[in-house]
């Protein structure tokens, strides 16, 4: 089923009456390395999570605190992801929709309706609505953004131990100066999205081993 509707920024949100409404969002879409992670959350109207807003507006410690509260009080929540190899194979849009689909399919409670951040919906038999700027307008989508972000950040911190040259714990795979410098110095690692133009361009400009050796020898007395 495709999106039943796309709710634009200037449109009021309908007053949906179902109890089990899932909010869906992702994290990591714009990174150069690592997976794209999606989350779906069905909040309990009787147990609202205070301060639940778009994850990008929160500090790391606040996100971690709210993530714990969401997991404790939500009627159901789930995580899905698509790895960097799938992003390279499918493109980022399709990989993001796949991550969302995986999260939805693994929910313990089947929602009666889904509200998706953005303007596209994943494939689902459940009625879906895309909500532009949804992470700032719908609490369940904001909750999903927090779970997606904290889950992905934790994964990137673990990967940082395996690939310490890239400082993944600091930038989580995004295109910071330190990350670009590491790509230029060491090339890509198995987590990089090698189909991405920025990754290809930086790696292509990296000096070859022969050039590095020639430079090294030229500096010898």
N, C-alpha and C. Protein backbone atom coordinates (compact mmCIF):
# COMPACT_ATOMS: atom_id res chain seq x y z
N UNK A 1 0.85 -1.19 0.00
CA UNK A 1 0.00 0.00 0.00
C UNK A 1 0.89 1.24 0.00
N UNK A 2 0.63 2.18 -0.91
CA UNK A 2 1.38 3.42 -0.92
C UNK A 2 0.77 4.38 0.09
N UNK A 3 1.34 5.58 0.18
CA UNK A 3 0.84 6.55 1.15
C UNK A 3 -0.63 6.86 0.88
N UNK A 4 -1.43 6.81 1.95
CA UNK A 4 -2.82 7.21 1.81
C UNK A 4 -2.90 8.72 1.58
N UNK A 5 -1.93 9.45 2.12
CA UNK A 5 -1.87 10.90 1.91
C UNK A 5 -0.50 11.41 2.31
N UNK A 6 -0.16 12.57 1.79
CA UNK A 6 1.03 13.30 2.24
C UNK A 6 0.52 14.55 2.93
N UNK A 7 0.83 14.68 4.21
CA UNK A 7 0.35 15.82 5.00
C UNK A 7 1.42 16.91 4.95
N UNK A 8 1.12 18.00 4.29
CA UNK A 8 2.09 19.06 4.06
C UNK A 8 2.30 19.92 5.29
N UNK A 9 3.34 20.76 5.24
CA UNK A 9 3.69 21.61 6.40
C UNK A 9 2.53 22.51 6.82
N UNK A 10 1.81 23.05 5.84
CA UNK A 10 0.74 24.01 6.16
C UNK A 10 -0.61 23.34 6.37
N UNK A 11 -0.64 22.02 6.37
CA UNK A 11 -1.89 21.29 6.59
C UNK A 11 -2.00 20.85 8.04
N UNK A 12 -3.19 20.99 8.59
CA UNK A 12 -3.42 20.51 9.96
C UNK A 12 -3.42 18.98 9.96
N UNK A 13 -2.94 18.41 11.04
CA UNK A 13 -2.95 16.96 11.18
C UNK A 13 -4.37 16.48 11.47
N UNK A 14 -4.84 15.45 10.77
CA UNK A 14 -6.16 14.90 11.08
C UNK A 14 -6.20 14.35 12.50
N UNK A 15 -7.38 14.29 13.06
CA UNK A 15 -7.55 13.75 14.40
C UNK A 15 -7.82 12.25 14.28
N UNK A 16 -6.73 11.48 14.14
CA UNK A 16 -6.88 10.04 14.00
C UNK A 16 -7.37 9.44 15.32
N UNK A 17 -8.30 8.50 15.22
CA UNK A 17 -8.95 7.98 16.42
C UNK A 17 -8.42 6.62 16.88
N UNK A 18 -7.60 5.96 16.07
CA UNK A 18 -7.13 4.63 16.43
C UNK A 18 -6.22 4.67 17.66
N UNK A 19 -6.22 3.59 18.41
CA UNK A 19 -5.34 3.51 19.58
C UNK A 19 -3.91 3.20 19.18
N UNK A 20 -3.75 2.30 18.21
CA UNK A 20 -2.41 1.85 17.84
C UNK A 20 -1.94 2.57 16.58
N UNK A 21 -1.35 3.73 16.79
CA UNK A 21 -0.80 4.52 15.69
C UNK A 21 0.71 4.55 15.85
N UNK A 22 1.41 4.09 14.85
CA UNK A 22 2.87 4.04 14.91
C UNK A 22 3.51 5.23 14.23
N UNK A 23 4.46 5.85 14.91
CA UNK A 23 5.26 6.90 14.31
C UNK A 23 6.58 6.32 13.83
N UNK A 24 7.02 6.74 12.66
CA UNK A 24 8.21 6.15 12.03
C UNK A 24 9.18 7.24 11.61
N UNK A 25 10.46 7.04 11.93
CA UNK A 25 11.50 7.97 11.49
C UNK A 25 12.81 7.22 11.35
N UNK A 26 13.81 7.89 10.80
CA UNK A 26 15.12 7.26 10.55
C UNK A 26 16.24 8.14 11.05
N UNK A 27 17.43 7.55 11.11
CA UNK A 27 18.66 8.28 11.43
C UNK A 27 19.78 7.73 10.56
N UNK A 28 20.68 8.62 10.16
CA UNK A 28 21.85 8.19 9.40
C UNK A 28 21.71 8.31 7.90
N UNK A 29 20.66 8.91 7.44
CA UNK A 29 20.45 8.99 6.00
C UNK A 29 21.56 9.76 5.29
N UNK A 30 22.06 10.81 5.92
CA UNK A 30 23.05 11.65 5.25
C UNK A 30 24.50 11.32 5.56
N UNK A 31 24.74 10.25 6.31
CA UNK A 31 26.11 9.91 6.69
C UNK A 31 26.88 9.29 5.52
N UNK A 32 28.20 9.32 5.62
CA UNK A 32 29.07 8.70 4.62
C UNK A 32 29.38 7.25 4.95
N UNK A 33 29.12 6.85 6.19
CA UNK A 33 29.47 5.50 6.64
C UNK A 33 28.41 4.98 7.60
N UNK A 34 28.30 3.66 7.65
CA UNK A 34 27.38 3.04 8.58
C UNK A 34 25.99 2.84 8.01
N UNK A 35 25.11 2.25 8.78
CA UNK A 35 23.76 1.93 8.32
C UNK A 35 22.83 3.12 8.39
N UNK A 36 21.67 2.99 7.76
CA UNK A 36 20.55 3.87 8.04
C UNK A 36 19.64 3.06 8.96
N UNK A 37 19.22 3.67 10.07
CA UNK A 37 18.46 2.98 11.10
C UNK A 37 17.08 3.63 11.22
N UNK A 38 16.04 2.82 11.23
CA UNK A 38 14.68 3.31 11.38
C UNK A 38 14.08 2.77 12.67
N UNK A 39 13.14 3.53 13.19
CA UNK A 39 12.41 3.09 14.38
C UNK A 39 10.93 3.36 14.18
N UNK A 40 10.10 2.54 14.82
CA UNK A 40 8.66 2.78 14.87
C UNK A 40 8.23 2.68 16.32
N UNK A 41 7.39 3.61 16.74
CA UNK A 41 6.95 3.68 18.14
C UNK A 41 5.44 3.85 18.19
N UNK A 42 4.79 3.02 18.99
CA UNK A 42 3.38 3.21 19.32
C UNK A 42 3.32 3.69 20.76
N UNK A 43 3.03 4.96 20.94
CA UNK A 43 2.99 5.53 22.28
C UNK A 43 1.68 5.21 22.98
N UNK A 44 1.73 5.20 24.30
CA UNK A 44 0.55 5.02 25.12
C UNK A 44 0.01 6.40 25.47
N UNK A 45 -1.20 6.71 25.01
CA UNK A 45 -1.78 8.03 25.27
C UNK A 45 -1.91 8.31 26.76
N UNK A 46 -1.98 7.25 27.57
CA UNK A 46 -2.11 7.42 29.01
C UNK A 46 -0.76 7.67 29.69
N UNK A 47 0.34 7.47 28.95
CA UNK A 47 1.67 7.66 29.52
C UNK A 47 2.54 8.48 28.57
N UNK A 48 2.23 9.75 28.39
CA UNK A 48 3.01 10.57 27.47
C UNK A 48 4.45 10.76 27.95
N UNK A 49 5.35 10.89 27.01
CA UNK A 49 6.77 11.11 27.34
C UNK A 49 7.03 12.60 27.23
N UNK A 50 7.20 13.27 28.34
CA UNK A 50 7.40 14.71 28.33
C UNK A 50 8.75 15.07 27.73
N UNK A 51 8.75 16.13 26.92
CA UNK A 51 10.00 16.58 26.31
C UNK A 51 10.40 15.82 25.08
N UNK A 52 9.48 15.04 24.54
CA UNK A 52 9.79 14.21 23.37
C UNK A 52 9.67 15.07 22.10
N UNK A 53 10.81 15.47 21.56
CA UNK A 53 10.85 16.29 20.35
C UNK A 53 11.86 15.69 19.38
N UNK A 54 11.98 16.28 18.23
CA UNK A 54 12.94 15.84 17.21
C UNK A 54 14.32 15.64 17.84
N UNK A 55 14.91 14.48 17.59
CA UNK A 55 16.18 14.12 18.23
C UNK A 55 17.29 15.13 17.95
N UNK A 56 17.24 15.81 16.80
CA UNK A 56 18.30 16.76 16.44
C UNK A 56 18.29 17.98 17.35
N UNK A 57 17.21 18.20 18.07
CA UNK A 57 17.11 19.35 18.96
C UNK A 57 17.53 19.02 20.39
N UNK A 58 17.98 17.80 20.61
CA UNK A 58 18.29 17.34 21.97
C UNK A 58 19.78 17.06 22.13
N UNK A 59 20.27 17.23 23.34
CA UNK A 59 21.64 16.83 23.65
C UNK A 59 21.72 15.30 23.70
N UNK A 60 22.93 14.78 23.62
CA UNK A 60 23.10 13.34 23.66
C UNK A 60 22.57 12.74 24.97
N UNK A 61 22.86 13.38 26.08
CA UNK A 61 22.40 12.85 27.37
C UNK A 61 20.88 12.89 27.46
N UNK A 62 20.27 13.95 26.92
CA UNK A 62 18.80 14.04 26.95
C UNK A 62 18.18 12.99 26.05
N UNK A 63 18.77 12.75 24.89
CA UNK A 63 18.27 11.70 24.00
C UNK A 63 18.32 10.34 24.69
N UNK A 64 19.43 10.06 25.34
CA UNK A 64 19.58 8.76 26.01
C UNK A 64 18.54 8.59 27.11
N UNK A 65 18.30 9.66 27.85
CA UNK A 65 17.29 9.61 28.92
C UNK A 65 15.90 9.36 28.34
N UNK A 66 15.54 10.11 27.30
CA UNK A 66 14.22 9.96 26.71
C UNK A 66 14.05 8.60 26.03
N UNK A 67 15.12 8.10 25.42
CA UNK A 67 15.04 6.77 24.79
C UNK A 67 14.67 5.72 25.81
N UNK A 68 15.26 5.80 26.99
CA UNK A 68 14.93 4.85 28.05
C UNK A 68 13.47 4.99 28.48
N UNK A 69 12.98 6.22 28.56
CA UNK A 69 11.59 6.45 28.94
C UNK A 69 10.62 5.94 27.88
N UNK A 70 10.96 6.16 26.62
CA UNK A 70 10.13 5.68 25.52
C UNK A 70 10.03 4.16 25.54
N UNK A 71 11.16 3.50 25.70
CA UNK A 71 11.15 2.03 25.72
C UNK A 71 10.36 1.50 26.92
N UNK A 72 10.37 2.24 28.00
CA UNK A 72 9.68 1.81 29.22
C UNK A 72 8.17 1.99 29.12
N UNK A 73 7.72 3.08 28.49
CA UNK A 73 6.30 3.43 28.54
C UNK A 73 5.53 3.17 27.25
N UNK A 74 6.20 3.03 26.12
CA UNK A 74 5.49 2.83 24.85
C UNK A 74 4.74 1.50 24.84
N UNK A 75 3.64 1.47 24.11
CA UNK A 75 2.91 0.21 23.95
C UNK A 75 3.73 -0.78 23.14
N UNK A 76 4.48 -0.26 22.17
CA UNK A 76 5.37 -1.11 21.36
C UNK A 76 6.38 -0.23 20.65
N UNK A 77 7.55 -0.77 20.40
CA UNK A 77 8.57 -0.08 19.61
C UNK A 77 9.46 -1.12 18.95
N UNK A 78 10.08 -0.72 17.87
CA UNK A 78 10.95 -1.65 17.15
C UNK A 78 11.96 -0.87 16.31
N UNK A 79 13.05 -1.55 16.00
CA UNK A 79 14.15 -0.97 15.22
C UNK A 79 14.39 -1.82 13.97
N UNK A 80 14.69 -1.17 12.87
CA UNK A 80 15.11 -1.86 11.65
C UNK A 80 16.25 -1.09 11.02
N UNK A 81 17.07 -1.74 10.24
CA UNK A 81 18.19 -1.03 9.62
C UNK A 81 18.50 -1.60 8.25
N UNK A 82 19.22 -0.83 7.48
CA UNK A 82 19.78 -1.27 6.20
C UNK A 82 21.26 -0.91 6.23
N UNK A 83 22.11 -1.88 5.97
CA UNK A 83 23.55 -1.68 6.09
C UNK A 83 24.10 -0.91 4.89
N UNK A 84 25.34 -0.47 5.03
CA UNK A 84 25.93 0.36 3.97
C UNK A 84 26.01 -0.37 2.63
N UNK A 85 26.21 -1.70 2.66
CA UNK A 85 26.22 -2.45 1.40
C UNK A 85 24.86 -2.38 0.71
N UNK A 86 23.80 -2.42 1.50
CA UNK A 86 22.45 -2.32 0.92
C UNK A 86 22.19 -0.92 0.40
N UNK A 87 22.72 0.09 1.09
CA UNK A 87 22.59 1.46 0.61
C UNK A 87 23.29 1.60 -0.74
N UNK A 88 24.48 1.03 -0.87
CA UNK A 88 25.20 1.09 -2.14
C UNK A 88 24.44 0.37 -3.25
N UNK A 89 23.79 -0.71 -2.89
CA UNK A 89 23.10 -1.51 -3.91
C UNK A 89 21.73 -0.93 -4.29
N UNK A 90 21.01 -0.39 -3.31
CA UNK A 90 19.61 0.00 -3.54
C UNK A 90 19.42 1.50 -3.73
N UNK A 91 20.33 2.31 -3.29
CA UNK A 91 20.32 3.77 -3.14
C UNK A 91 19.73 4.11 -1.78
N UNK A 92 19.99 5.32 -1.30
CA UNK A 92 19.66 5.68 0.08
C UNK A 92 18.15 5.74 0.31
N UNK A 93 17.39 6.20 -0.68
CA UNK A 93 15.94 6.27 -0.48
C UNK A 93 15.36 4.88 -0.28
N UNK A 94 15.67 3.97 -1.18
CA UNK A 94 15.11 2.62 -1.08
C UNK A 94 15.62 1.89 0.16
N UNK A 95 16.88 2.13 0.53
CA UNK A 95 17.41 1.50 1.74
C UNK A 95 16.72 2.04 2.98
N UNK A 96 16.42 3.34 2.99
CA UNK A 96 15.69 3.94 4.12
C UNK A 96 14.30 3.33 4.24
N UNK A 97 13.60 3.22 3.13
CA UNK A 97 12.26 2.62 3.15
C UNK A 97 12.32 1.15 3.58
N UNK A 98 13.40 0.45 3.19
CA UNK A 98 13.57 -0.94 3.61
C UNK A 98 13.78 -1.03 5.11
N UNK A 99 14.60 -0.13 5.66
CA UNK A 99 14.83 -0.12 7.10
C UNK A 99 13.52 0.12 7.85
N UNK A 100 12.71 1.05 7.35
CA UNK A 100 11.41 1.32 7.95
C UNK A 100 10.51 0.10 7.88
N UNK A 101 10.49 -0.53 6.73
CA UNK A 101 9.66 -1.73 6.55
C UNK A 101 10.07 -2.82 7.54
N UNK A 102 11.36 -3.01 7.73
CA UNK A 102 11.84 -4.02 8.67
C UNK A 102 11.43 -3.70 10.10
N UNK A 103 11.50 -2.41 10.46
CA UNK A 103 11.07 -2.01 11.80
C UNK A 103 9.59 -2.28 12.00
N UNK A 104 8.78 -1.92 11.02
CA UNK A 104 7.33 -2.11 11.12
C UNK A 104 6.98 -3.59 11.24
N UNK A 105 7.63 -4.40 10.43
CA UNK A 105 7.29 -5.84 10.40
C UNK A 105 7.69 -6.55 11.69
N UNK A 106 8.62 -5.99 12.45
CA UNK A 106 9.07 -6.67 13.67
C UNK A 106 8.36 -6.16 14.93
N UNK A 107 7.39 -5.26 14.76
CA UNK A 107 6.61 -4.78 15.90
C UNK A 107 5.80 -5.91 16.53
N UNK A 108 5.71 -5.92 17.84
CA UNK A 108 4.93 -6.94 18.53
C UNK A 108 3.43 -6.66 18.46
N UNK A 109 3.07 -5.39 18.32
CA UNK A 109 1.67 -4.99 18.13
C UNK A 109 1.53 -4.44 16.71
N UNK A 110 0.56 -4.91 15.96
CA UNK A 110 0.37 -4.38 14.62
C UNK A 110 -0.40 -3.07 14.71
N UNK A 111 0.19 -1.96 14.25
CA UNK A 111 -0.51 -0.68 14.32
C UNK A 111 -1.69 -0.63 13.35
N UNK A 112 -2.65 0.19 13.70
CA UNK A 112 -3.80 0.39 12.82
C UNK A 112 -3.54 1.47 11.78
N UNK A 113 -2.53 2.29 12.03
CA UNK A 113 -2.18 3.37 11.12
C UNK A 113 -0.72 3.74 11.36
N UNK A 114 -0.04 4.21 10.33
CA UNK A 114 1.36 4.62 10.44
C UNK A 114 1.52 6.06 9.98
N UNK A 115 2.29 6.81 10.73
CA UNK A 115 2.64 8.18 10.36
C UNK A 115 4.15 8.22 10.12
N UNK A 116 4.55 8.55 8.90
CA UNK A 116 5.94 8.46 8.47
C UNK A 116 6.52 9.86 8.32
N UNK A 117 7.68 10.11 8.89
CA UNK A 117 8.32 11.40 8.70
C UNK A 117 8.80 11.54 7.26
N UNK A 118 8.49 12.66 6.63
CA UNK A 118 8.96 12.88 5.27
C UNK A 118 7.83 12.86 4.26
N UNK A 119 8.16 12.54 3.02
CA UNK A 119 7.16 12.57 1.95
C UNK A 119 6.99 11.23 1.23
N UNK A 120 7.57 10.17 1.77
CA UNK A 120 7.45 8.84 1.16
C UNK A 120 7.12 7.82 2.24
N UNK A 121 6.43 6.76 1.83
CA UNK A 121 6.05 5.70 2.76
C UNK A 121 6.68 4.38 2.34
N UNK A 122 7.05 3.54 3.32
CA UNK A 122 7.54 2.21 2.98
C UNK A 122 6.40 1.31 2.53
N UNK A 123 6.74 0.21 1.91
CA UNK A 123 5.73 -0.76 1.51
C UNK A 123 5.13 -1.40 2.75
N UNK A 124 3.81 -1.38 2.86
CA UNK A 124 3.15 -1.94 4.03
C UNK A 124 1.68 -2.18 3.71
N UNK A 125 1.08 -3.16 4.37
CA UNK A 125 -0.35 -3.40 4.24
C UNK A 125 -1.14 -2.47 5.17
N UNK A 126 -0.43 -1.74 6.02
CA UNK A 126 -1.06 -0.83 6.98
C UNK A 126 -1.23 0.54 6.31
N UNK A 127 -2.33 1.20 6.63
CA UNK A 127 -2.57 2.52 6.06
C UNK A 127 -1.49 3.49 6.55
N UNK A 128 -0.81 4.14 5.61
CA UNK A 128 0.32 5.02 5.93
C UNK A 128 0.03 6.46 5.50
N UNK A 129 0.55 7.40 6.26
CA UNK A 129 0.49 8.80 5.90
C UNK A 129 1.88 9.39 6.06
N UNK A 130 2.38 10.02 5.02
CA UNK A 130 3.65 10.74 5.11
C UNK A 130 3.38 12.12 5.69
N UNK A 131 4.19 12.52 6.66
CA UNK A 131 3.99 13.80 7.34
C UNK A 131 5.24 14.66 7.16
N UNK A 132 5.14 15.71 6.38
CA UNK A 132 6.26 16.62 6.21
C UNK A 132 6.59 17.29 7.55
N UNK A 133 7.88 17.28 7.91
CA UNK A 133 8.32 17.85 9.19
C UNK A 133 7.65 17.12 10.36
N UNK A 134 7.39 15.85 10.17
CA UNK A 134 6.66 15.07 11.17
C UNK A 134 7.36 14.96 12.51
N UNK A 135 8.71 14.97 12.51
CA UNK A 135 9.41 14.82 13.79
C UNK A 135 9.25 16.04 14.68
N UNK A 136 8.74 17.14 14.13
CA UNK A 136 8.43 18.32 14.93
C UNK A 136 6.94 18.48 15.21
N UNK A 137 6.12 17.59 14.63
CA UNK A 137 4.67 17.77 14.72
C UNK A 137 3.94 16.61 15.38
N UNK A 138 4.54 15.44 15.36
CA UNK A 138 3.88 14.23 15.87
C UNK A 138 4.77 13.59 16.93
N UNK A 139 4.25 13.42 18.14
CA UNK A 139 5.08 12.93 19.23
C UNK A 139 5.61 11.52 18.98
N UNK A 140 4.81 10.66 18.37
CA UNK A 140 5.29 9.30 18.12
C UNK A 140 6.41 9.29 17.09
N UNK A 141 6.37 10.20 16.12
CA UNK A 141 7.47 10.31 15.16
C UNK A 141 8.71 10.85 15.84
N UNK A 142 8.54 11.85 16.71
CA UNK A 142 9.68 12.37 17.47
C UNK A 142 10.30 11.26 18.32
N UNK A 143 9.45 10.44 18.94
CA UNK A 143 9.95 9.32 19.74
C UNK A 143 10.73 8.35 18.87
N UNK A 144 10.22 8.09 17.66
CA UNK A 144 10.93 7.20 16.74
C UNK A 144 12.27 7.79 16.34
N UNK A 145 12.32 9.11 16.14
CA UNK A 145 13.59 9.74 15.77
C UNK A 145 14.62 9.59 16.89
N UNK A 146 14.16 9.65 18.13
CA UNK A 146 15.07 9.49 19.27
C UNK A 146 15.59 8.06 19.35
N UNK A 147 14.73 7.09 19.18
CA UNK A 147 15.19 5.69 19.23
C UNK A 147 16.11 5.36 18.07
N UNK A 148 15.79 5.87 16.88
CA UNK A 148 16.65 5.60 15.72
C UNK A 148 18.03 6.22 15.92
N UNK A 149 18.05 7.46 16.40
CA UNK A 149 19.32 8.17 16.59
C UNK A 149 20.17 7.52 17.68
N UNK A 150 19.59 7.22 18.83
CA UNK A 150 20.38 6.64 19.93
C UNK A 150 20.86 5.23 19.58
N UNK A 151 20.04 4.48 18.86
CA UNK A 151 20.45 3.13 18.45
C UNK A 151 21.63 3.20 17.48
N UNK A 152 21.52 4.09 16.49
CA UNK A 152 22.59 4.20 15.50
C UNK A 152 23.87 4.74 16.13
N UNK A 153 23.75 5.73 16.99
CA UNK A 153 24.94 6.29 17.65
C UNK A 153 25.66 5.22 18.46
N UNK A 154 24.91 4.38 19.15
CA UNK A 154 25.53 3.30 19.94
C UNK A 154 26.26 2.32 19.03
N UNK A 155 25.66 2.01 17.89
CA UNK A 155 26.32 1.12 16.93
C UNK A 155 27.61 1.72 16.41
N UNK A 156 27.59 3.02 16.11
CA UNK A 156 28.78 3.67 15.58
C UNK A 156 29.89 3.77 16.62
N UNK A 157 29.52 3.90 17.89
CA UNK A 157 30.55 3.90 18.93
C UNK A 157 31.23 2.53 19.03
N UNK A 158 30.46 1.47 18.85
CA UNK A 158 31.05 0.13 18.85
C UNK A 158 31.96 -0.07 17.64
N UNK A 159 31.52 0.41 16.48
CA UNK A 159 32.34 0.28 15.28
C UNK A 159 33.62 1.11 15.40
N UNK A 160 33.57 2.18 16.17
CA UNK A 160 34.76 3.02 16.33
C UNK A 160 35.90 2.26 16.98
N UNK A 161 35.57 1.31 17.85
CA UNK A 161 36.61 0.49 18.47
C UNK A 161 37.30 -0.41 17.45
N UNK A 162 36.53 -0.84 16.44
CA UNK A 162 37.11 -1.72 15.42
C UNK A 162 37.87 -0.94 14.35
N UNK A 163 37.43 0.29 14.09
CA UNK A 163 38.06 1.13 13.06
C UNK A 163 38.48 2.46 13.69
N UNK A 164 39.45 2.45 14.60
CA UNK A 164 39.79 3.66 15.37
C UNK A 164 40.35 4.80 14.53
N UNK A 165 40.89 4.52 13.36
CA UNK A 165 41.48 5.57 12.53
C UNK A 165 40.45 6.60 12.07
N UNK A 166 39.17 6.22 12.08
CA UNK A 166 38.14 7.08 11.49
C UNK A 166 37.35 7.90 12.51
N UNK A 167 37.57 7.69 13.81
CA UNK A 167 36.93 8.50 14.86
C UNK A 167 35.40 8.47 14.76
N UNK A 168 34.84 7.31 14.48
CA UNK A 168 33.41 7.18 14.25
C UNK A 168 32.58 7.56 15.47
N UNK A 169 33.12 7.37 16.67
CA UNK A 169 32.38 7.72 17.88
C UNK A 169 32.13 9.21 17.97
N UNK A 170 32.97 10.00 17.33
CA UNK A 170 32.82 11.45 17.40
C UNK A 170 31.79 11.97 16.41
N UNK A 171 31.86 11.53 15.16
CA UNK A 171 31.00 12.11 14.12
C UNK A 171 29.93 11.16 13.61
N UNK A 172 29.95 9.91 14.07
CA UNK A 172 28.93 8.92 13.73
C UNK A 172 28.81 8.66 12.22
N UNK A 173 29.90 8.92 11.51
CA UNK A 173 29.91 8.63 10.07
C UNK A 173 29.57 9.80 9.18
N UNK A 174 29.27 10.95 9.77
CA UNK A 174 28.92 12.12 8.96
C UNK A 174 30.19 12.81 8.44
N UNK A 175 30.00 13.71 7.51
CA UNK A 175 31.12 14.29 6.75
C UNK A 175 31.77 15.46 7.49
N UNK A 176 32.33 15.20 8.64
CA UNK A 176 33.08 16.24 9.35
C UNK A 176 34.49 16.36 8.75
N UNK A 177 35.19 17.41 9.13
CA UNK A 177 36.56 17.60 8.62
C UNK A 177 37.46 16.44 9.04
N UNK A 178 37.30 15.99 10.28
CA UNK A 178 38.13 14.88 10.76
C UNK A 178 37.84 13.60 9.99
N UNK A 179 36.57 13.37 9.67
CA UNK A 179 36.22 12.17 8.91
C UNK A 179 36.76 12.23 7.49
N UNK A 180 36.62 13.39 6.85
CA UNK A 180 37.14 13.55 5.49
C UNK A 180 38.66 13.39 5.48
N UNK A 181 39.33 13.93 6.49
CA UNK A 181 40.79 13.79 6.58
C UNK A 181 41.19 12.33 6.73
N UNK A 182 40.42 11.57 7.53
CA UNK A 182 40.73 10.14 7.70
C UNK A 182 40.52 9.38 6.40
N UNK A 183 39.46 9.72 5.68
CA UNK A 183 39.23 9.10 4.37
C UNK A 183 40.38 9.40 3.41
N UNK A 184 40.84 10.65 3.44
CA UNK A 184 41.93 11.05 2.56
C UNK A 184 43.24 10.35 2.92
N UNK A 185 43.45 10.12 4.21
CA UNK A 185 44.70 9.51 4.66
C UNK A 185 44.70 7.99 4.54
N UNK A 186 43.56 7.37 4.82
CA UNK A 186 43.54 5.90 4.95
C UNK A 186 42.62 5.20 3.95
N UNK A 187 41.89 5.96 3.14
CA UNK A 187 40.94 5.32 2.23
C UNK A 187 39.69 4.89 2.98
N UNK A 188 38.83 4.16 2.32
CA UNK A 188 37.57 3.75 2.94
C UNK A 188 37.77 2.48 3.76
N UNK A 189 36.84 2.26 4.70
CA UNK A 189 36.82 1.03 5.48
C UNK A 189 35.53 0.28 5.12
N UNK A 190 35.32 -0.94 5.62
CA UNK A 190 34.13 -1.72 5.24
C UNK A 190 32.80 -1.07 5.61
N UNK A 191 32.79 0.00 6.38
CA UNK A 191 31.54 0.66 6.74
C UNK A 191 31.15 1.78 5.79
N UNK A 192 32.05 2.19 4.92
CA UNK A 192 31.77 3.35 4.08
C UNK A 192 30.82 3.02 2.93
N UNK A 193 30.03 4.01 2.58
CA UNK A 193 29.11 3.91 1.45
C UNK A 193 29.89 4.28 0.19
N UNK A 194 30.50 3.29 -0.41
CA UNK A 194 31.47 3.54 -1.47
C UNK A 194 30.83 4.04 -2.76
N UNK A 195 29.50 3.94 -2.87
CA UNK A 195 28.82 4.47 -4.06
C UNK A 195 28.61 5.98 -3.97
N UNK A 196 28.85 6.55 -2.79
CA UNK A 196 28.59 7.97 -2.61
C UNK A 196 29.70 8.81 -3.22
N UNK A 197 29.31 9.86 -3.92
CA UNK A 197 30.27 10.68 -4.67
C UNK A 197 31.36 11.25 -3.78
N UNK A 198 30.98 11.74 -2.59
CA UNK A 198 31.98 12.34 -1.70
C UNK A 198 33.02 11.32 -1.29
N UNK A 199 32.59 10.10 -0.97
CA UNK A 199 33.55 9.04 -0.59
C UNK A 199 34.45 8.72 -1.77
N UNK A 200 33.86 8.56 -2.95
CA UNK A 200 34.66 8.23 -4.14
C UNK A 200 35.68 9.32 -4.45
N UNK A 201 35.24 10.58 -4.35
CA UNK A 201 36.13 11.69 -4.70
C UNK A 201 37.31 11.79 -3.74
N UNK A 202 37.04 11.66 -2.46
CA UNK A 202 38.11 11.79 -1.48
C UNK A 202 39.09 10.62 -1.60
N UNK A 203 38.55 9.42 -1.74
CA UNK A 203 39.42 8.24 -1.85
C UNK A 203 40.23 8.30 -3.15
N UNK A 204 39.61 8.79 -4.22
CA UNK A 204 40.32 8.87 -5.51
C UNK A 204 41.48 9.84 -5.45
N UNK A 205 41.40 10.86 -4.60
CA UNK A 205 42.47 11.84 -4.49
C UNK A 205 43.58 11.40 -3.55
N UNK A 206 43.38 10.26 -2.90
CA UNK A 206 44.37 9.79 -1.94
C UNK A 206 45.64 9.36 -2.67
N UNK A 207 46.80 9.76 -2.19
CA UNK A 207 48.05 9.36 -2.86
C UNK A 207 48.22 7.84 -2.84
N UNK A 208 48.79 7.32 -3.90
CA UNK A 208 49.06 5.89 -3.95
C UNK A 208 50.25 5.56 -3.05
N UNK A 209 50.44 4.27 -2.77
CA UNK A 209 51.56 3.84 -1.94
C UNK A 209 52.88 4.26 -2.58
N UNK A 210 52.93 4.19 -3.91
CA UNK A 210 54.16 4.57 -4.60
C UNK A 210 54.45 6.06 -4.43
N UNK A 211 53.39 6.87 -4.52
CA UNK A 211 53.58 8.31 -4.34
C UNK A 211 54.02 8.65 -2.93
N UNK A 212 53.44 7.96 -1.95
CA UNK A 212 53.82 8.18 -0.56
C UNK A 212 55.27 7.81 -0.35
N UNK A 213 55.70 6.68 -0.92
CA UNK A 213 57.10 6.25 -0.78
C UNK A 213 58.05 7.23 -1.45
N UNK A 214 57.66 7.72 -2.63
CA UNK A 214 58.51 8.68 -3.34
C UNK A 214 58.66 9.96 -2.53
N UNK A 215 57.55 10.42 -1.94
CA UNK A 215 57.61 11.62 -1.13
C UNK A 215 58.50 11.40 0.11
N UNK A 216 58.35 10.23 0.71
CA UNK A 216 59.13 9.91 1.90
C UNK A 216 60.62 9.92 1.56
N UNK A 217 60.97 9.28 0.46
CA UNK A 217 62.39 9.22 0.08
C UNK A 217 62.95 10.59 -0.30
N UNK A 218 62.09 11.42 -0.88
CA UNK A 218 62.55 12.74 -1.28
C UNK A 218 62.89 13.62 -0.08
N UNK A 219 62.29 13.27 1.09
CA UNK A 219 62.55 14.05 2.28
C UNK A 219 63.78 13.56 3.07
N UNK A 220 64.32 12.42 2.64
CA UNK A 220 65.48 11.88 3.35
C UNK A 220 66.73 12.69 3.01
N UNK A 221 67.66 12.82 3.96
CA UNK A 221 68.89 13.61 3.68
C UNK A 221 69.78 12.88 2.69
